[in-house]
């Protein structure tokens, strides 16, 4: 009887046992993988439900999905995003994320959704999306940068600084970003004295020359005599608009009279009477020539270009509103006729 039963020492029995165990493990792994995918899909579905909005103009609830629709819809969403129709773009991204099974495509769509929320000003939603991506892909520098930008816009600078640490451990150059956050913290801190704030800004200027324009602009608000001392006479163009809009009561005539370029700016503005030398700034020199010829109605209009994405904006910035790059502002000026404001009364 015993001889009929297979022995565990029998090579054939061992092989069959190994095959059986392998099949059991494979089936268990497959079943677990299916379960995990279904659970992740269910979790993602519940997560996305938080962002459903009745404000979206496109109704995708009854729209059947086909894989061939993926690329055209993704391009359409991008076009809506570029044209500022963020609600339509968001609706399409949510639709595609719900119906796409490819993990790479889904991850890319989640990032696009977060960026759209960011540009649309839905900062808490953008934060939630980027945090969800990092929950599954914690070592993604691009998403870490975007999450840090969201915290910065929310004025949660302590959280933004926390994001820098994992970036630094991955070898990312974060010094410019750290110095920018230090500037933001200093400028928004109402607990420190004006003197301490000015000294901290001057120390920061020594380590980060790229912040010359925003630091000087803030110094003119805090302590104008100190600001005039730190004007770099060789690089007046980056702060031309700041100098142009200063009222004559805030001018330091001793410093201006000793520099031909500053004298030219304020002669063109109409604050000085003595004809100066050329400034090397085309618009200023044209206004100077016009004033010498007797035309005193000239003025400057300013716009602000991002050197990285080449987008132009009517207001200055430190971080580009379009591509979110730091310290890429370029001041552009145009000659215009001086606008004379007329106050009309309704009475």
Protein backbone atom coordinates (compact mmCIF):
# COMPACT_ATOMS: atom_id res chain seq x y z
CA UNK A 1 0.00 0.00 0.00
CA UNK A 2 2.71 2.39 0.99
CA UNK A 3 4.67 1.63 -2.15
CA UNK A 4 1.74 2.76 -4.34
CA UNK A 5 1.71 6.31 -2.87
CA UNK A 6 4.26 8.75 -4.36
CA UNK A 7 7.17 9.62 -2.14
CA UNK A 8 8.27 13.22 -1.61
CA UNK A 9 11.72 11.98 -2.60
CA UNK A 10 10.41 10.89 -5.99
CA UNK A 11 11.82 13.35 -8.63
CA UNK A 12 8.55 13.27 -10.61
CA UNK A 13 6.56 14.13 -7.49
CA UNK A 14 8.89 17.05 -6.75
CA UNK A 15 8.52 18.38 -10.28
CA UNK A 16 4.73 18.12 -10.12
CA UNK A 17 4.72 19.87 -6.75
CA UNK A 18 6.86 22.72 -8.10
CA UNK A 19 4.60 23.11 -11.15
CA UNK A 20 1.49 23.13 -8.96
CA UNK A 21 2.94 25.73 -6.60
CA UNK A 22 4.02 27.87 -9.54
CA UNK A 23 0.51 27.72 -11.01
CA UNK A 24 -1.04 28.62 -7.66
CA UNK A 25 1.36 31.56 -7.24
CA UNK A 26 0.76 32.75 -10.82
CA UNK A 27 -3.02 32.57 -10.48
CA UNK A 28 -2.90 34.27 -7.08
CA UNK A 29 -0.65 37.03 -8.48
CA UNK A 30 -2.95 37.52 -11.48
CA UNK A 31 -6.07 37.66 -9.33
CA UNK A 32 -4.38 40.09 -6.92
CA UNK A 33 -3.23 42.25 -9.85
CA UNK A 34 -6.80 42.41 -11.22
CA UNK A 35 -8.14 43.21 -7.75
CA UNK A 36 -5.56 45.93 -7.23
CA UNK A 37 -6.27 47.49 -10.65
CA UNK A 38 -10.00 47.49 -9.95
CA UNK A 39 -9.41 48.99 -6.53
CA UNK A 40 -7.11 51.70 -7.93
CA UNK A 41 -9.67 52.45 -10.64
CA UNK A 42 -12.43 52.70 -8.04
CA UNK A 43 -10.24 54.91 -5.82
CA UNK A 44 -9.34 57.17 -8.75
CA UNK A 45 -13.00 57.34 -9.77
CA UNK A 46 -13.99 58.49 -6.29
CA UNK A 47 -11.11 60.96 -6.29
CA UNK A 48 -12.16 62.44 -9.65
CA UNK A 49 -15.79 62.75 -8.55
CA UNK A 50 -14.67 65.54 -6.24
CA UNK A 51 -13.79 67.63 -9.28
CA UNK A 52 -16.97 67.15 -11.29
CA UNK A 53 -18.46 70.55 -12.03
CA UNK A 54 -21.83 71.58 -13.37
CA UNK A 55 -20.14 74.72 -14.73
CA UNK A 56 -18.48 72.77 -17.55
CA UNK A 57 -20.01 73.65 -20.91
CA UNK A 58 -19.44 70.21 -22.47
CA UNK A 59 -21.68 67.28 -21.57
CA UNK A 60 -19.62 64.08 -21.71
CA UNK A 61 -21.81 61.95 -19.44
CA UNK A 62 -23.49 60.09 -22.31
CA UNK A 63 -20.56 60.20 -24.72
CA UNK A 64 -19.34 56.68 -25.69
CA UNK A 65 -15.58 56.24 -25.60
CA UNK A 66 -13.36 54.74 -28.26
CA UNK A 67 -9.56 54.52 -28.09
CA UNK A 68 -9.34 56.34 -31.43
CA UNK A 69 -10.89 59.38 -29.73
CA UNK A 70 -8.00 59.77 -27.27
CA UNK A 71 -5.59 61.87 -29.32
CA UNK A 72 -8.19 64.21 -30.93
CA UNK A 73 -9.83 64.87 -27.56
CA UNK A 74 -6.46 65.47 -25.87
CA UNK A 75 -5.58 67.99 -28.61
CA UNK A 76 -9.00 69.64 -28.25
CA UNK A 77 -8.53 69.94 -24.48
CA UNK A 78 -5.10 71.52 -25.03
CA UNK A 79 -6.61 74.00 -27.51
CA UNK A 80 -9.30 74.94 -24.99
CA UNK A 81 -6.62 75.38 -22.33
CA UNK A 82 -4.49 77.61 -24.57
CA UNK A 83 -7.51 79.79 -25.41
CA UNK A 84 -8.41 80.21 -21.74
CA UNK A 85 -11.54 78.04 -21.84
CA UNK A 86 -10.36 76.10 -18.81
CA UNK A 87 -13.72 74.57 -17.84
CA UNK A 88 -14.04 72.86 -21.22
CA UNK A 89 -10.45 71.59 -21.03
CA UNK A 90 -10.99 70.28 -17.49
CA UNK A 91 -14.16 68.44 -18.52
CA UNK A 92 -12.37 66.66 -21.38
CA UNK A 93 -9.37 65.73 -19.20
CA UNK A 94 -11.70 64.25 -16.56
CA UNK A 95 -13.54 62.28 -19.26
CA UNK A 96 -10.31 60.89 -20.73
CA UNK A 97 -8.87 59.96 -17.32
CA UNK A 98 -12.02 58.00 -16.46
CA UNK A 99 -11.94 56.02 -19.72
CA UNK A 100 -8.20 55.51 -20.31
CA UNK A 101 -6.57 52.33 -19.05
CA UNK A 102 -3.00 53.09 -20.15
CA UNK A 103 -1.08 54.10 -16.96
CA UNK A 104 1.30 56.39 -18.86
CA UNK A 105 -1.54 58.20 -20.63
CA UNK A 106 -3.49 58.46 -17.37
CA UNK A 107 -0.47 59.95 -15.55
CA UNK A 108 0.08 62.50 -18.31
CA UNK A 109 -3.59 63.48 -18.28
CA UNK A 110 -3.55 63.90 -14.50
CA UNK A 111 -0.59 66.26 -14.84
CA UNK A 112 -2.34 68.25 -17.58
CA UNK A 113 -5.44 68.46 -15.39
CA UNK A 114 -3.39 69.78 -12.48
CA UNK A 115 -1.68 72.36 -14.70
CA UNK A 116 -5.05 73.50 -16.08
CA UNK A 117 -6.41 73.95 -12.56
CA UNK A 118 -3.25 75.90 -11.72
CA UNK A 119 -3.58 78.27 -14.68
CA UNK A 120 -7.31 78.65 -14.06
CA UNK A 121 -6.63 79.71 -10.47
CA UNK A 122 -8.18 76.64 -8.80
CA UNK A 123 -5.15 76.27 -6.55
CA UNK A 124 -6.57 73.81 -4.00
CA UNK A 125 -7.72 71.51 -6.80
CA UNK A 126 -4.30 71.74 -8.44
CA UNK A 127 -2.68 70.92 -5.10
CA UNK A 128 -4.91 67.85 -4.69
CA UNK A 129 -4.12 66.58 -8.20
CA UNK A 130 -0.34 67.00 -7.87
CA UNK A 131 -0.39 65.40 -4.40
CA UNK A 132 -2.30 62.42 -5.82
CA UNK A 133 0.28 61.99 -8.61
CA UNK A 134 3.16 62.17 -6.11
CA UNK A 135 1.42 59.58 -3.91
CA UNK A 136 2.09 57.05 -6.70
CA UNK A 137 5.21 58.65 -8.21
CA UNK A 138 6.97 60.39 -5.32
CA UNK A 139 10.26 61.01 -7.14
CA UNK A 140 9.01 63.11 -10.04
CA UNK A 141 10.86 66.47 -10.09
CA UNK A 142 8.50 68.11 -12.56
CA UNK A 143 5.45 67.45 -10.36
CA UNK A 144 7.35 68.49 -7.24
CA UNK A 145 8.16 71.85 -8.86
CA UNK A 146 4.50 72.34 -9.80
CA UNK A 147 3.30 71.44 -6.31
CA UNK A 148 5.81 73.91 -4.86
CA UNK A 149 4.45 76.60 -7.19
CA UNK A 150 0.92 75.93 -5.96
CA UNK A 151 2.01 76.27 -2.32
CA UNK A 152 3.83 79.48 -3.23
CA UNK A 153 0.70 80.94 -4.83
CA UNK A 154 -1.29 79.91 -1.77
CA UNK A 155 1.34 81.79 0.29
CA UNK A 156 2.15 78.60 2.17
CA UNK A 157 5.87 79.23 1.93
CA UNK A 158 6.79 76.69 4.62
CA UNK A 159 5.15 73.96 2.51
CA UNK A 160 6.90 75.25 -0.62
CA UNK A 161 10.26 75.01 1.15
CA UNK A 162 9.46 71.44 2.22
CA UNK A 163 9.09 70.49 -1.45
CA UNK A 164 12.63 71.70 -2.15
CA UNK A 165 14.25 69.00 0.02
CA UNK A 166 13.26 65.99 -2.16
CA UNK A 167 14.27 68.00 -5.23
CA UNK A 168 17.70 68.67 -3.74
CA UNK A 169 18.21 64.99 -2.87
CA UNK A 170 17.60 64.16 -6.54
CA UNK A 171 20.38 66.53 -7.63
CA UNK A 172 18.16 69.39 -8.78
CA UNK A 173 19.56 72.94 -8.71
CA UNK A 174 17.24 74.69 -6.26
CA UNK A 175 19.28 77.71 -5.11
CA UNK A 176 17.42 80.23 -7.31
CA UNK A 177 14.06 78.85 -6.15
CA UNK A 178 15.10 78.94 -2.49
CA UNK A 179 16.27 82.56 -2.76
CA UNK A 180 13.03 83.54 -4.49
CA UNK A 181 11.01 81.96 -1.66
CA UNK A 182 13.18 83.79 0.88
CA UNK A 183 12.34 87.05 -0.92
CA UNK A 184 8.62 86.22 -0.84
CA UNK A 185 8.79 85.38 2.87
CA UNK A 186 10.65 88.62 3.68
CA UNK A 187 8.34 90.82 1.61
CA UNK A 188 5.18 89.34 3.17
CA UNK A 189 6.46 89.24 6.77
CA UNK A 190 4.79 91.99 8.81
CA UNK A 191 6.38 90.94 12.08
CA UNK A 192 9.91 92.23 11.40
CA UNK A 193 10.96 95.86 11.45
CA UNK A 194 11.55 97.91 8.33
CA UNK A 195 15.28 98.17 9.13
CA UNK A 196 15.63 94.41 9.54
CA UNK A 197 13.69 93.80 6.35
CA UNK A 198 15.91 96.20 4.36
CA UNK A 199 19.13 94.62 5.70
CA UNK A 200 17.86 91.12 4.90
CA UNK A 201 16.94 92.18 1.37
CA UNK A 202 20.39 93.69 0.78
CA UNK A 203 22.06 90.49 2.00
CA UNK A 204 19.83 88.47 -0.34
CA UNK A 205 20.73 90.75 -3.26
CA UNK A 206 24.42 89.89 -2.77
CA UNK A 207 23.72 86.16 -3.11
CA UNK A 208 21.04 86.34 -5.83
CA UNK A 209 21.63 89.11 -8.43
CA UNK A 210 18.68 87.76 -10.45
CA UNK A 211 16.39 89.32 -7.83
CA UNK A 212 17.82 92.81 -8.48
CA UNK A 213 14.61 94.17 -9.99
CA UNK A 214 12.06 92.90 -7.37
CA UNK A 215 14.39 93.72 -4.46
CA UNK A 216 15.02 97.25 -5.72
CA UNK A 217 11.30 97.75 -6.32
CA UNK A 218 10.58 96.73 -2.73
CA UNK A 219 13.40 98.93 -1.39
CA UNK A 220 11.83 101.97 -3.07
CA UNK A 221 8.67 101.25 -1.05
CA UNK A 222 10.51 100.62 2.22
CA UNK A 223 13.48 103.00 2.26
CA UNK A 224 14.00 105.16 -0.82
CA UNK A 225 17.43 106.62 0.11
CA UNK A 226 18.78 103.08 0.45
CA UNK A 227 17.27 102.08 -2.87
CA UNK A 228 19.00 104.95 -4.70
CA UNK A 229 22.37 103.82 -3.29
CA UNK A 230 21.99 100.33 -4.77
CA UNK A 231 20.93 101.28 -8.28
CA UNK A 232 23.31 99.67 -10.76
CA UNK A 233 24.05 102.46 -13.23
CA UNK A 234 25.12 99.93 -15.88
CA UNK A 235 21.79 98.04 -15.82
CA UNK A 236 19.08 100.69 -15.78
CA UNK A 237 16.89 99.11 -18.46
CA UNK A 238 15.55 96.25 -16.24
CA UNK A 239 14.22 98.87 -13.79
CA UNK A 240 13.32 101.59 -16.31
CA UNK A 241 9.59 101.39 -15.51
CA UNK A 242 10.27 101.60 -11.75
CA UNK A 243 12.37 104.73 -12.26
CA UNK A 244 9.90 106.22 -14.73
CA UNK A 245 6.90 105.99 -12.40
CA UNK A 246 8.66 107.49 -9.36
CA UNK A 247 7.13 110.88 -8.44
CA UNK A 248 9.53 113.84 -8.48
CA UNK A 249 9.28 114.12 -4.69
CA UNK A 250 11.10 110.77 -4.37
CA UNK A 251 14.05 111.60 -6.61
CA UNK A 252 17.59 111.83 -5.27
CA UNK A 253 18.89 114.72 -7.37
CA UNK A 254 22.44 114.40 -6.06
CA UNK A 255 22.71 110.84 -7.42
CA UNK A 256 20.80 111.64 -10.63
CA UNK A 257 22.94 114.68 -11.49
CA UNK A 258 26.11 112.57 -11.29
CA UNK A 259 24.90 110.02 -13.87
CA UNK A 260 24.19 110.93 -17.52
CA UNK A 261 21.74 108.05 -18.06
CA UNK A 262 19.64 108.86 -15.00
CA UNK A 263 19.66 112.53 -15.99
CA UNK A 264 18.42 111.60 -19.47
CA UNK A 265 15.55 109.54 -18.04
CA UNK A 266 14.29 112.35 -15.84
CA UNK A 267 14.82 115.01 -18.50
CA UNK A 268 12.66 112.87 -20.81
CA UNK A 269 10.12 112.57 -18.00
CA UNK A 270 10.06 116.35 -17.62
CA UNK A 271 11.51 116.56 -14.11
CA UNK A 272 14.86 118.10 -15.13
CA UNK A 273 15.47 121.21 -17.22
CA UNK A 274 19.11 120.82 -18.24
CA UNK A 275 19.66 118.97 -21.52
CA UNK A 276 21.59 115.69 -20.85
CA UNK A 277 23.81 113.39 -22.89
CA UNK A 278 22.42 110.29 -24.62
CA UNK A 279 21.29 107.43 -22.39
CA UNK A 280 21.75 104.58 -24.83
CA UNK A 281 18.07 103.65 -24.38
CA UNK A 282 16.36 104.34 -27.73
CA UNK A 283 12.96 105.41 -26.38
CA UNK A 284 14.51 107.73 -23.79
CA UNK A 285 16.82 109.35 -26.34
CA UNK A 286 13.88 109.90 -28.70
CA UNK A 287 11.88 111.60 -25.94
CA UNK A 288 14.92 113.72 -25.03
CA UNK A 289 15.27 114.85 -28.66
CA UNK A 290 11.55 115.60 -28.80
CA UNK A 291 11.69 117.73 -25.65
CA UNK A 292 14.71 119.66 -26.92
CA UNK A 293 12.67 120.35 -30.09
CA UNK A 294 9.81 121.68 -27.99
CA UNK A 295 7.47 118.66 -27.94
CA UNK A 296 6.71 117.87 -24.29
CA UNK A 297 3.76 115.50 -24.65
CA UNK A 298 5.81 112.32 -25.01
CA UNK A 299 5.42 109.41 -22.57
CA UNK A 300 6.34 105.75 -22.21
CA UNK A 301 4.07 102.72 -22.15
CA UNK A 302 5.47 99.50 -20.71
CA UNK A 303 4.85 95.82 -21.36
CA UNK A 304 6.64 92.79 -19.93
CA UNK A 305 7.99 89.88 -21.97
CA UNK A 306 8.95 86.44 -20.67
CA UNK A 307 12.28 85.50 -22.22
CA UNK A 308 11.44 81.80 -22.00
CA UNK A 309 7.94 81.46 -23.47
CA UNK A 310 7.95 84.84 -25.33
CA UNK A 311 4.52 85.78 -23.95
CA UNK A 312 3.89 89.46 -23.26
CA UNK A 313 1.94 90.82 -20.28
CA UNK A 314 0.69 94.29 -19.30
CA UNK A 315 1.87 93.96 -15.68
CA UNK A 316 5.29 93.02 -14.25
CA UNK A 317 5.99 89.62 -12.71
CA UNK A 318 8.72 87.59 -11.02
CA UNK A 319 7.29 84.20 -12.01
CA UNK A 320 5.89 84.13 -15.55
CA UNK A 321 2.08 83.75 -15.45
CA UNK A 322 2.20 81.51 -18.53
CA UNK A 323 5.19 79.15 -18.23
CA UNK A 324 5.87 79.78 -14.49
CA UNK A 325 9.60 80.39 -15.10
CA UNK A 326 11.45 82.53 -12.55
CA UNK A 327 13.28 85.81 -13.25
CA UNK A 328 12.68 85.77 -17.01
CA UNK A 329 11.06 89.21 -17.24
CA UNK A 330 12.20 91.64 -19.92
CA UNK A 331 10.94 95.23 -19.79
CA UNK A 332 9.75 96.63 -23.12
CA UNK A 333 8.85 100.28 -23.63
CA UNK A 334 7.01 102.13 -26.38
CA UNK A 335 6.76 105.86 -27.01
CA UNK A 336 3.25 107.25 -26.68
CA UNK A 337 1.54 110.59 -26.38
CA UNK A 338 1.05 111.67 -22.79
CA UNK A 339 -2.42 110.89 -21.52
CA UNK A 340 -4.15 113.84 -19.90
CA UNK A 341 -6.67 112.66 -17.35
CA UNK A 342 -9.95 114.54 -17.28
CA UNK A 343 -12.25 114.26 -14.31
CA UNK A 344 -15.89 114.36 -15.26
CA UNK A 345 -18.57 114.86 -12.64
CA UNK A 346 -21.93 113.17 -12.87
CA UNK A 347 -23.49 116.00 -10.87
